[in-house]
Amino acid sequence: MGALEGLQPEKVFYYFEEICGIPHGSGNVAQISDYLAAFAKERNLQYWQDELKNVIIIKPATPGYEKEPVVILQGHMDMVAVKKPDCKTDMRTEGLKVRTDGDKIYAEGTSLGGDDGIAVAYALALLDSKDIPHPKLEVVITVDEEVGMDGARGIDLSMLEGKRMLNLDSEEEGIFLTSCAGGARMDCRLPVSICEKEGEAYRISVEGLMGGHSGAEIDKGRGNANCIMGRVLHSLARELPVYLKSLEGGLADNAIPRQAVAEVLIDKEKEDIFRSVLLQTEEEIKAELATKEPDFGITTVYRGGEQENCVDEAGTAYVAAYLTALPDGVQAMSADVPGLVETSLNLGIVKFDKAARELRCEFSVRSCIESAKRALLEKVAAITGLAGGSSSVSGDYPGWAYRVDSPLRDKMVAVYEEMYGEKPRLQAIHAGLECGILAAKIEGLDCISFGPDMQNIHTTEESLSISSTRRVWEYLVNLLAKKSENEG
């Protein structure tokens, strides 16, 4: 018996649990892609599966809807696969342990992948239905949206007829998204010098942070574990010789990192200073984050005396200074849309690669103004260059511009108001969506993004609302069943 058995709508939750049982973190999508292709084949639906593992499935219109405008349903099959430090689940080979708690669905010890597994579940439930009226459906499920939208970038949509697209990759019911920021991923490399050092080994851990989606939660001012670790190391390096043995923080460039861990060696006679600096730094940061991050803390574990290859004293100080100098978080708010973040970046991953003798830093950079995005990328590149490092940009995707004339938006607002007696909210967002990339491939594409309520996506606290999932499904079914005026 599945954990979601008995929940309504039955088919939606059945397919959502099926998806959760298949490993589908970004970069690990072959199995879920093959599942989708097999689903289409078993139902004699026309489908394409490309070399990237994107899947397109076509379902003909139901009787009486042949003349209705074709509708594209779009979402992505990959998820941000993160887990708690003590979680034993191997997310590359094992499914999720799905649980319910009241109105919430969550995964035990890991992220849930409601972003964007629920879009796939909605689509499969529609494709499998025999009694839901709808126009011709063109379902587009892309890969690796969470790591640069590579699937959307590489997909061929020339076989599609539709000019109206429902993107099911949003997390707030009753809000229709009409435009979004563009973004890019930036990788930086800083070479370091290695020496052999004998000293007292300590493990320093920055932990207890909330994390979150670097588009949706970047405006909340949450602590970034990588940046905090840079500050900790910088405070130490100012007061005593420190030798960096290891450093690792964050799991994805577009997720605000919750934890960062460093191992350092120090001289035995400096241990009192070391502990004093750590305590003072922790107290200062705790005071700064008291309201936003009440569970923040720095833990220190003594590992004994060691003789190890480490980053030398000057190199460790350089690494700490570099991390401290890097920008992070909101850089500018929109002058046109109150409350909308215009430009931001997130230092999502930091890792010291001892074999390569370099520090690796990976950023997610976003802006609704293309020139501001370029300027921020150039700023990080300039800081990295001045520090003696190198940088590269990948996964660059355009923003999605607001469409003044949108028959799809007008219809969606009318159906929503008819069902609920109030208008939905129309919003622009700072997080990235695939709509901009796909709109460049389909001339005249009319697109809206919406979805059910989710909380804390891209984190181990992610949850999906059961009741909201049901309401959004009912809305989607009514929307598809609503004929155009000219069709009566």
Protein backbone atom coordinates (compact mmCIF):
# COMPACT_ATOMS: atom_id res chain seq x y z
CA MET A 1 0.00 0.00 0.00
CA GLY A 2 1.44 3.35 -1.06
CA ALA A 3 1.79 6.21 1.39
CA LEU A 4 -0.47 8.37 -0.82
CA GLU A 5 -3.10 5.72 -1.53
CA GLY A 6 -6.62 7.02 -0.99
CA LEU A 7 -5.74 10.67 -1.56
CA GLN A 8 -7.74 12.57 -4.15
CA PRO A 9 -7.35 13.09 -7.07
CA GLU A 10 -6.38 9.45 -7.07
CA LYS A 11 -4.50 9.30 -10.37
CA VAL A 12 -2.50 12.44 -9.69
CA PHE A 13 -1.21 11.13 -6.38
CA TYR A 14 -0.69 7.65 -7.81
CA TYR A 15 1.62 9.01 -10.49
CA PHE A 16 3.31 11.40 -8.08
CA GLU A 17 4.22 8.49 -5.82
CA GLU A 18 5.37 6.50 -8.86
CA ILE A 19 7.70 9.37 -9.79
CA CYS A 20 8.99 9.64 -6.23
CA GLY A 21 9.92 5.96 -6.38
CA ILE A 22 12.31 6.61 -9.29
CA PRO A 23 15.64 8.40 -8.70
CA HIS A 24 15.48 11.63 -10.71
CA GLY A 25 17.92 14.18 -9.39
CA SER A 26 19.37 16.56 -11.96
CA GLY A 27 21.89 14.72 -14.13
CA ASN A 28 20.36 11.37 -13.18
CA VAL A 29 17.23 11.33 -15.32
CA ALA A 30 17.64 8.30 -17.63
CA GLN A 31 15.36 6.09 -15.54
CA ILE A 32 12.52 8.61 -15.17
CA SER A 33 12.77 9.52 -18.84
CA ASP A 34 12.51 5.87 -19.87
CA TYR A 35 9.52 5.49 -17.55
CA LEU A 36 7.74 8.37 -19.34
CA ALA A 37 8.54 6.93 -22.76
CA ALA A 38 7.25 3.51 -21.70
CA PHE A 39 4.08 5.15 -20.32
CA ALA A 40 3.37 6.70 -23.73
CA LYS A 41 4.20 3.53 -25.64
CA GLU A 42 1.90 1.38 -23.48
CA ARG A 43 -1.01 3.73 -24.25
CA ASN A 44 -0.27 4.00 -27.97
CA LEU A 45 0.38 7.74 -27.64
CA GLN A 46 2.69 9.46 -30.08
CA TYR A 47 5.92 10.41 -28.32
CA TRP A 48 9.52 11.54 -28.81
CA GLN A 49 12.47 10.90 -26.52
CA ASP A 50 15.58 12.78 -27.61
CA GLU A 51 19.27 12.21 -26.88
CA LEU A 52 19.10 14.52 -23.86
CA LYS A 53 16.23 12.37 -22.50
CA ASN A 54 13.57 15.08 -22.93
CA VAL A 55 10.17 13.50 -23.57
CA ILE A 56 7.26 14.85 -25.62
CA ILE A 57 3.89 13.01 -25.56
CA ILE A 58 0.89 13.87 -27.75
CA LYS A 59 -2.73 13.05 -26.96
CA PRO A 60 -5.48 13.79 -29.51
CA ALA A 61 -8.42 16.01 -28.59
CA THR A 62 -11.48 14.36 -27.14
CA PRO A 63 -14.66 14.39 -29.28
CA GLY A 64 -16.02 17.92 -29.72
CA TYR A 65 -12.70 19.59 -28.92
CA GLU A 66 -10.92 19.03 -32.23
CA LYS A 67 -11.23 22.70 -33.23
CA GLU A 68 -10.08 24.07 -29.87
CA PRO A 69 -6.59 25.62 -29.69
CA VAL A 70 -3.92 22.99 -28.96
CA VAL A 71 -2.58 23.23 -25.38
CA ILE A 72 1.04 22.55 -24.43
CA LEU A 73 1.48 21.22 -20.88
CA GLN A 74 5.06 21.73 -19.71
CA GLY A 75 7.20 20.82 -16.71
CA HIS A 76 10.55 19.23 -15.91
CA MET A 77 11.35 15.71 -14.74
CA ASP A 78 14.46 16.44 -12.63
CA MET A 79 14.54 17.54 -8.99
CA VAL A 80 17.04 19.14 -6.64
CA ALA A 81 18.18 16.03 -4.76
CA VAL A 82 19.35 17.05 -1.29
CA LYS A 83 19.30 15.15 1.98
CA LYS A 84 19.97 15.69 5.67
CA PRO A 85 23.52 14.93 6.84
CA ASP A 86 22.42 11.82 8.73
CA CYS A 87 20.15 10.48 5.97
CA LYS A 88 21.31 7.12 4.55
CA THR A 89 19.23 7.24 1.35
CA ASP A 90 21.34 7.10 -1.82
CA MET A 91 19.38 9.50 -4.01
CA ARG A 92 21.15 8.34 -7.16
CA THR A 93 19.89 4.79 -6.82
CA GLU A 94 16.96 4.84 -4.36
CA GLY A 95 13.49 6.32 -4.42
CA LEU A 96 12.14 8.76 -1.85
CA LYS A 97 10.45 7.75 1.40
CA VAL A 98 7.21 9.67 0.91
CA ARG A 99 5.15 10.50 3.99
CA THR A 100 2.07 12.56 4.89
CA ASP A 101 1.39 14.81 7.86
CA GLY A 102 -2.05 16.35 7.87
CA ASP A 103 -2.31 18.32 4.62
CA LYS A 104 1.39 17.95 3.81
CA ILE A 105 3.31 15.46 1.71
CA TYR A 106 7.03 15.30 2.42
CA ALA A 107 9.98 12.94 2.01
CA GLU A 108 11.75 11.47 5.02
CA GLY A 109 15.27 12.90 5.25
CA THR A 110 15.35 14.32 1.72
CA SER A 111 13.84 16.87 -0.60
CA LEU A 112 10.49 15.85 -2.10
CA GLY A 113 10.79 16.94 -5.71
CA GLY A 114 7.31 18.45 -5.81
CA ASP A 115 9.22 20.92 -7.95
CA ASP A 116 8.46 19.65 -10.53
CA GLY A 117 7.21 16.12 -10.00
CA ILE A 118 3.67 17.39 -9.51
CA ALA A 119 3.67 18.81 -13.05
CA VAL A 120 4.61 15.40 -14.41
CA ALA A 121 1.93 13.75 -12.26
CA TYR A 122 -0.75 16.16 -13.51
CA ALA A 123 0.30 15.51 -17.10
CA LEU A 124 0.31 11.72 -16.72
CA ALA A 125 -3.11 11.76 -15.06
CA LEU A 126 -4.51 13.72 -18.02
CA LEU A 127 -2.78 11.52 -20.57
CA ASP A 128 -4.16 8.42 -18.85
CA SER A 129 -7.70 9.75 -18.52
CA LYS A 130 -10.64 8.49 -20.55
CA ASP A 131 -13.39 10.79 -19.28
CA ILE A 132 -11.79 14.27 -19.08
CA PRO A 133 -12.69 16.52 -22.06
CA HIS A 134 -9.76 18.45 -23.50
CA PRO A 135 -8.26 19.87 -26.69
CA LYS A 136 -5.24 18.23 -28.27
CA LEU A 137 -2.51 18.03 -25.61
CA GLU A 138 1.20 18.33 -26.29
CA VAL A 139 3.05 17.38 -23.10
CA VAL A 140 6.65 18.57 -22.92
CA ILE A 141 8.75 17.19 -20.04
CA THR A 142 12.32 18.49 -20.00
CA VAL A 143 15.49 17.37 -18.23
CA ASP A 144 17.96 19.18 -15.96
CA GLU A 145 15.96 22.36 -15.49
CA GLU A 146 17.47 22.75 -12.04
CA VAL A 147 21.07 22.91 -13.29
CA GLY A 148 20.86 25.36 -16.18
CA MET A 149 17.71 24.42 -18.14
CA ASP A 150 19.80 22.27 -20.47
CA GLY A 151 16.81 20.22 -21.58
CA ALA A 152 14.76 23.23 -22.62
CA ARG A 153 17.79 24.68 -24.36
CA GLY A 154 18.42 21.54 -26.43
CA ILE A 155 14.90 20.30 -27.14
CA ASP A 156 13.43 20.30 -30.65
CA LEU A 157 9.82 21.56 -30.64
CA SER A 158 9.34 21.74 -34.41
CA MET A 159 6.72 18.96 -34.29
CA LEU A 160 4.42 20.93 -31.98
CA GLU A 161 1.29 22.74 -33.16
CA GLY A 162 0.40 24.53 -29.94
CA LYS A 163 0.78 28.25 -29.32
CA ARG A 164 -0.64 28.21 -25.79
CA MET A 165 1.44 26.73 -22.99
CA LEU A 166 0.60 25.91 -19.38
CA ASN A 167 3.86 25.76 -17.45
CA LEU A 168 3.19 23.79 -14.25
CA ASP A 169 6.32 24.84 -12.38
CA SER A 170 5.04 27.31 -9.78
CA GLU A 171 4.55 26.91 -6.04
CA GLU A 172 1.75 29.25 -4.94
CA GLU A 173 -1.88 28.50 -5.66
CA GLY A 174 -3.88 31.44 -6.96
CA ILE A 175 -0.84 33.18 -8.40
CA PHE A 176 -0.33 33.17 -12.17
CA LEU A 177 3.19 33.96 -13.25
CA THR A 178 3.52 36.06 -16.39
CA SER A 179 7.27 36.77 -16.58
CA CYS A 180 10.52 35.76 -14.88
CA ALA A 181 14.18 36.63 -14.54
CA GLY A 182 16.97 35.29 -16.71
CA GLY A 183 19.98 33.61 -15.16
CA ALA A 184 23.24 31.78 -15.54
CA ARG A 185 25.56 29.45 -13.67
CA MET A 186 29.09 30.63 -12.93
CA ASP A 187 32.00 28.36 -12.01
CA CYS A 188 35.11 29.87 -10.43
CA ARG A 189 38.46 28.21 -9.76
CA LEU A 190 41.11 29.58 -7.41
CA PRO A 191 44.53 27.82 -7.39
CA VAL A 192 46.14 27.24 -3.98
CA SER A 193 49.57 26.20 -2.73
CA ILE A 194 49.94 22.98 -0.73
CA CYS A 195 52.39 22.28 2.06
CA GLU A 196 52.94 19.52 4.58
CA LYS A 197 51.86 20.64 8.03
CA GLU A 198 51.89 19.06 11.46
CA GLY A 199 49.42 20.44 13.97
CA GLU A 200 46.17 20.12 15.87
CA ALA A 201 43.22 19.22 13.62
CA TYR A 202 39.74 20.71 14.07
CA ARG A 203 36.50 20.22 12.19
CA ILE A 204 34.42 23.40 11.94
CA SER A 205 30.79 23.14 10.87
CA VAL A 206 28.40 25.97 10.03
CA GLU A 207 24.92 24.51 10.45
CA GLY A 208 21.30 25.02 11.47
CA LEU A 209 20.46 27.33 8.58
CA MET A 210 17.15 27.22 6.74
CA GLY A 211 18.46 27.25 3.15
CA GLY A 212 15.93 27.51 0.36
CA HIS A 213 15.48 28.24 -3.33
CA SER A 214 17.89 30.92 -4.51
CA GLY A 215 15.17 32.52 -6.62
CA ALA A 216 12.13 32.20 -4.37
CA GLU A 217 13.81 32.77 -0.98
CA ILE A 218 16.79 34.97 -1.80
CA ASP A 219 14.90 38.06 -0.61
CA LYS A 220 14.41 36.63 2.89
CA GLY A 221 17.99 37.36 3.95
CA ARG A 222 18.72 33.82 5.09
CA GLY A 223 22.24 32.87 6.01
CA ASN A 224 24.49 31.37 3.34
CA ALA A 225 26.67 28.69 4.98
CA ASN A 226 29.45 29.10 2.41
CA CYS A 227 29.69 32.84 2.93
CA ILE A 228 29.55 32.43 6.70
CA MET A 229 32.34 29.85 6.55
CA GLY A 230 34.44 32.32 4.56
CA ARG A 231 33.87 34.89 7.28
CA VAL A 232 34.82 32.37 9.99
CA LEU A 233 38.05 31.41 8.22
CA HIS A 234 38.88 35.06 7.57
CA SER A 235 38.41 35.91 11.26
CA LEU A 236 40.72 33.05 12.22
CA ALA A 237 43.36 33.85 9.62
CA ARG A 238 43.64 37.43 10.89
CA GLU A 239 44.57 36.23 14.37
CA LEU A 240 46.66 33.06 13.93
CA PRO A 241 48.24 30.79 11.32
CA VAL A 242 45.56 28.48 9.87
CA TYR A 243 46.10 25.63 7.41
CA LEU A 244 43.07 24.48 5.43
CA LYS A 245 42.82 20.70 5.11
CA SER A 246 39.34 20.41 3.56
CA LEU A 247 36.34 22.60 2.79
CA GLU A 248 32.93 21.70 1.42
CA GLY A 249 29.58 23.43 1.50
CA GLY A 250 26.30 23.41 -0.40
CA LEU A 251 24.69 20.90 -2.73
CA ALA A 252 23.41 22.91 -5.71
CA ASP A 253 24.24 26.30 -7.20
CA ASN A 254 20.57 27.36 -7.04
CA ALA A 255 19.95 26.23 -3.43
CA ILE A 256 20.97 28.50 -0.55
CA PRO A 257 23.49 26.32 1.34
CA ARG A 258 22.47 25.21 4.81
CA GLN A 259 25.77 23.69 5.94
CA ALA A 260 29.47 24.09 5.27
CA VAL A 261 32.27 22.05 6.82
CA ALA A 262 35.98 22.86 7.01
CA GLU A 263 38.90 20.98 8.55
CA VAL A 264 41.92 23.01 9.59
CA LEU A 265 45.27 22.49 11.32
CA ILE A 266 46.64 24.99 13.83
CA ASP A 267 49.62 25.16 16.16
CA LYS A 268 48.97 23.76 19.64
CA GLU A 269 49.96 26.98 21.40
CA LYS A 270 47.28 28.88 19.42
CA GLU A 271 44.35 26.73 20.55
CA ASP A 272 43.04 29.25 23.08
CA ILE A 273 43.06 32.04 20.50
CA PHE A 274 41.41 29.71 17.98
CA ARG A 275 38.52 28.90 20.32
CA SER A 276 38.13 32.51 21.40
CA VAL A 277 37.90 33.79 17.81
CA LEU A 278 35.38 31.10 16.88
CA LEU A 279 33.19 31.91 19.88
CA GLN A 280 33.26 35.63 19.21
CA THR A 281 32.49 35.18 15.50
CA GLU A 282 29.62 32.83 16.27
CA GLU A 283 28.13 35.29 18.77
CA GLU A 284 28.35 38.15 16.27
CA ILE A 285 26.67 36.19 13.46
CA LYS A 286 24.03 34.81 15.83
CA ALA A 287 23.11 38.35 16.82
CA GLU A 288 22.89 39.40 13.16
CA LEU A 289 20.72 36.42 12.17
CA ALA A 290 18.75 36.05 15.40
CA THR A 291 15.33 36.61 13.82
CA LYS A 292 15.95 35.08 10.41
CA GLU A 293 18.02 32.05 11.45
CA PRO A 294 17.24 31.16 15.10
CA ASP A 295 18.87 27.71 14.84
CA PHE A 296 22.21 28.86 13.40
CA GLY A 297 25.33 27.63 15.12
CA ILE A 298 29.00 26.76 14.67
CA THR A 299 30.19 23.44 16.03
CA THR A 300 33.84 22.54 16.53
CA VAL A 301 35.26 19.05 16.97
CA TYR A 302 38.87 18.36 17.96
CA ARG A 303 40.33 15.60 15.74
CA GLY A 304 43.73 15.20 17.43
CA GLY A 305 47.23 15.79 16.24
CA GLU A 306 47.89 15.18 12.52
CA GLN A 307 50.49 15.60 9.82
CA GLU A 308 48.75 16.37 6.54
CA ASN A 309 49.07 18.08 3.18
CA CYS A 310 47.17 21.35 3.58
CA VAL A 311 46.75 24.73 1.95
CA ASP A 312 49.65 26.79 3.29
CA GLU A 313 49.16 29.71 5.68
CA ALA A 314 49.18 32.41 3.01
CA GLY A 315 46.91 30.35 0.75
CA THR A 316 44.40 29.75 3.51
CA ALA A 317 44.28 33.46 4.28
CA TYR A 318 43.83 34.12 0.55
CA VAL A 319 40.96 31.64 0.26
CA ALA A 320 39.26 33.18 3.29
CA ALA A 321 39.69 36.72 1.92
CA TYR A 322 38.35 35.64 -1.48
CA LEU A 323 35.23 34.07 0.02
CA THR A 324 34.70 37.16 2.14
CA ALA A 325 35.04 39.48 -0.86
CA LEU A 326 32.56 37.64 -3.08
CA PRO A 327 29.09 39.20 -3.35
CA ASP A 328 26.06 37.14 -2.42
CA GLY A 329 22.32 37.60 -2.08
CA VAL A 330 20.13 40.43 -3.34
CA GLN A 331 22.07 43.03 -5.29
CA ALA A 332 19.18 45.22 -6.49
CA MET A 333 15.40 45.46 -6.16
CA SER A 334 13.17 46.29 -9.10
CA ALA A 335 12.34 49.96 -9.53
CA ASP A 336 9.23 49.03 -11.53
CA VAL A 337 7.65 46.15 -9.59
CA PRO A 338 7.40 46.70 -5.81
CA GLY A 339 8.87 43.81 -3.83
CA LEU A 340 10.44 42.08 -6.83
CA VAL A 341 14.13 41.22 -6.68
CA GLU A 342 15.83 42.54 -9.79
CA THR A 343 19.33 41.09 -9.48
CA SER A 344 20.88 38.50 -7.17
CA LEU A 345 23.43 35.74 -6.89
CA ASN A 346 23.86 32.69 -4.69
CA LEU A 347 27.18 31.07 -3.76
CA GLY A 348 25.64 27.62 -3.78
CA ILE A 349 28.69 25.31 -3.79
CA VAL A 350 32.19 25.63 -2.34
CA LYS A 351 34.67 22.78 -2.44
CA PHE A 352 38.43 22.51 -1.93
CA ASP A 353 39.77 20.00 -4.43
CA LYS A 354 43.05 18.85 -2.94
CA ALA A 355 44.03 16.73 -5.95
CA ALA A 356 43.56 19.67 -8.34
CA ARG A 357 44.99 22.13 -5.81
CA GLU A 358 42.14 24.57 -6.26
CA LEU A 359 39.08 26.02 -4.59
CA ARG A 360 35.88 25.59 -6.61
CA CYS A 361 32.95 27.99 -6.25
CA GLU A 362 29.65 27.69 -8.12
CA PHE A 363 27.08 30.49 -8.34
CA SER A 364 23.54 30.95 -9.58
CA VAL A 365 23.21 34.50 -10.98
CA ARG A 366 19.79 35.99 -11.79
CA SER A 367 18.35 39.25 -13.08
CA CYS A 368 15.27 40.45 -14.93
CA ILE A 369 17.56 42.97 -16.67
CA GLU A 370 20.02 41.31 -19.03
CA SER A 371 22.68 44.02 -18.73
CA ALA A 372 22.56 43.81 -14.92
CA LYS A 373 23.04 40.04 -15.10
CA ARG A 374 26.07 40.52 -17.37
CA ALA A 375 27.51 43.18 -15.05
CA LEU A 376 27.20 40.89 -12.02
CA LEU A 377 28.83 37.99 -13.87
CA GLU A 378 31.66 40.30 -14.85
CA LYS A 379 32.02 41.52 -11.26
CA VAL A 380 32.48 37.99 -9.92
CA ALA A 381 34.88 37.22 -12.78
CA ALA A 382 36.89 40.37 -11.97
CA ILE A 383 37.18 39.51 -8.26
CA THR A 384 38.20 35.96 -9.15
CA GLY A 385 40.73 37.22 -11.69
CA LEU A 386 42.26 39.66 -9.22
CA ALA A 387 42.62 36.74 -6.79
CA GLY A 388 44.51 34.80 -9.44
CA GLY A 389 41.66 32.49 -10.41
CA SER A 390 39.60 31.75 -13.50
CA SER A 391 35.87 31.62 -14.20
CA SER A 392 33.40 30.36 -16.76
CA VAL A 393 29.69 30.83 -17.45
CA SER A 394 27.26 28.09 -18.45
CA GLY A 395 23.52 27.49 -18.52
CA ASP A 396 22.81 31.07 -19.58
CA TYR A 397 19.07 31.44 -20.15
CA PRO A 398 16.93 34.45 -21.10
CA GLY A 399 14.23 36.04 -19.05
CA TRP A 400 10.58 35.57 -19.95
CA ALA A 401 9.03 38.87 -21.04
CA TYR A 402 5.49 39.92 -20.09
CA ARG A 403 2.99 39.56 -22.94
CA VAL A 404 0.55 42.48 -23.16
CA ASP A 405 -1.93 40.64 -25.41
CA SER A 406 -2.60 37.19 -23.93
CA PRO A 407 -5.81 35.30 -24.80
CA LEU A 408 -4.61 32.43 -22.60
CA ARG A 409 -4.20 34.71 -19.59
CA ASP A 410 -7.66 36.22 -20.18
CA LYS A 411 -9.25 32.76 -20.33
CA MET A 412 -7.39 31.51 -17.26
CA VAL A 413 -8.41 34.55 -15.21
CA ALA A 414 -12.04 34.19 -16.29
CA VAL A 415 -12.18 30.48 -15.40
CA TYR A 416 -10.52 31.12 -12.04
CA GLU A 417 -12.93 33.93 -11.20
CA GLU A 418 -15.90 31.78 -12.23
CA MET A 419 -14.73 28.95 -9.93
CA TYR A 420 -13.60 30.93 -6.90
CA GLY A 421 -15.40 34.28 -7.08
CA GLU A 422 -12.18 36.28 -7.10
CA LYS A 423 -9.39 37.08 -9.52
CA PRO A 424 -6.01 35.34 -9.29
CA ARG A 425 -2.92 37.41 -8.70
CA LEU A 426 -0.71 38.04 -11.72
CA GLN A 427 2.98 38.24 -10.82
CA ALA A 428 6.49 38.42 -12.14
CA ILE A 429 9.09 36.32 -10.27
CA HIS A 430 12.82 36.35 -9.69
CA ALA A 431 13.22 32.58 -9.98
CA GLY A 432 13.95 31.20 -13.43
CA LEU A 433 11.47 29.27 -15.56
CA GLU A 434 11.84 27.51 -18.90
CA CYS A 435 9.19 29.72 -20.50
CA GLY A 436 11.67 32.23 -21.92
CA ILE A 437 13.77 29.55 -23.64
CA LEU A 438 10.73 27.73 -25.03
CA ALA A 439 9.09 30.98 -26.18
CA ALA A 440 12.16 31.63 -28.34
CA LYS A 441 11.51 28.26 -30.06
CA ILE A 442 7.77 28.75 -30.71
CA GLU A 443 6.83 31.96 -32.47
CA GLY A 444 3.94 33.74 -30.77
CA LEU A 445 3.87 31.46 -27.73
CA ASP A 446 1.30 32.53 -25.15
CA CYS A 447 2.29 31.15 -21.75
CA ILE A 448 1.26 31.23 -18.09
CA SER A 449 2.89 29.41 -15.16
CA PHE A 450 0.94 28.15 -12.15
CA GLY A 451 0.83 25.29 -9.65
CA PRO A 452 -0.21 24.12 -6.18
CA ASP A 453 1.18 25.28 -2.84
CA MET A 454 4.64 24.02 -1.93
CA GLN A 455 6.89 25.04 0.91
CA ASN A 456 10.70 25.08 1.21
CA ILE A 457 11.42 23.66 -2.22
CA HIS A 458 15.02 22.55 -2.84
CA THR A 459 15.42 21.70 0.85
CA THR A 460 14.87 18.68 3.09
CA GLU A 461 11.86 20.51 4.59
CA GLU A 462 10.08 20.63 1.22
CA SER A 463 6.36 19.86 1.35
CA LEU A 464 3.40 19.74 -1.03
CA SER A 465 -0.14 20.64 0.01
CA ILE A 466 -2.66 17.84 -0.58
CA SER A 467 -5.72 20.11 -0.64
CA SER A 468 -4.04 22.65 -2.93
CA THR A 469 -2.97 19.89 -5.32
CA ARG A 470 -6.60 18.80 -5.54
CA ARG A 471 -7.90 22.35 -6.16
CA VAL A 472 -5.32 23.09 -8.85
CA TRP A 473 -6.20 19.80 -10.55
CA GLU A 474 -9.90 20.73 -10.53
CA TYR A 475 -9.00 24.13 -11.96
CA LEU A 476 -6.81 22.57 -14.67
CA VAL A 477 -9.57 20.14 -15.66
CA ASN A 478 -12.13 22.96 -15.86
CA LEU A 479 -9.73 25.14 -17.83
CA LEU A 480 -9.17 22.45 -20.44
CA ALA A 481 -12.90 21.69 -20.64
CA LYS A 482 -13.82 25.36 -21.19
CA LYS A 483 -14.39 25.94 -24.89
CA SER A 484 -13.45 29.12 -26.68
CA GLU A 485 -16.24 31.59 -27.29
CA ASN A 486 -16.24 30.95 -31.02
CA GLU A 487 -16.80 27.24 -30.35
CA GLY A 488 -19.81 27.79 -28.12
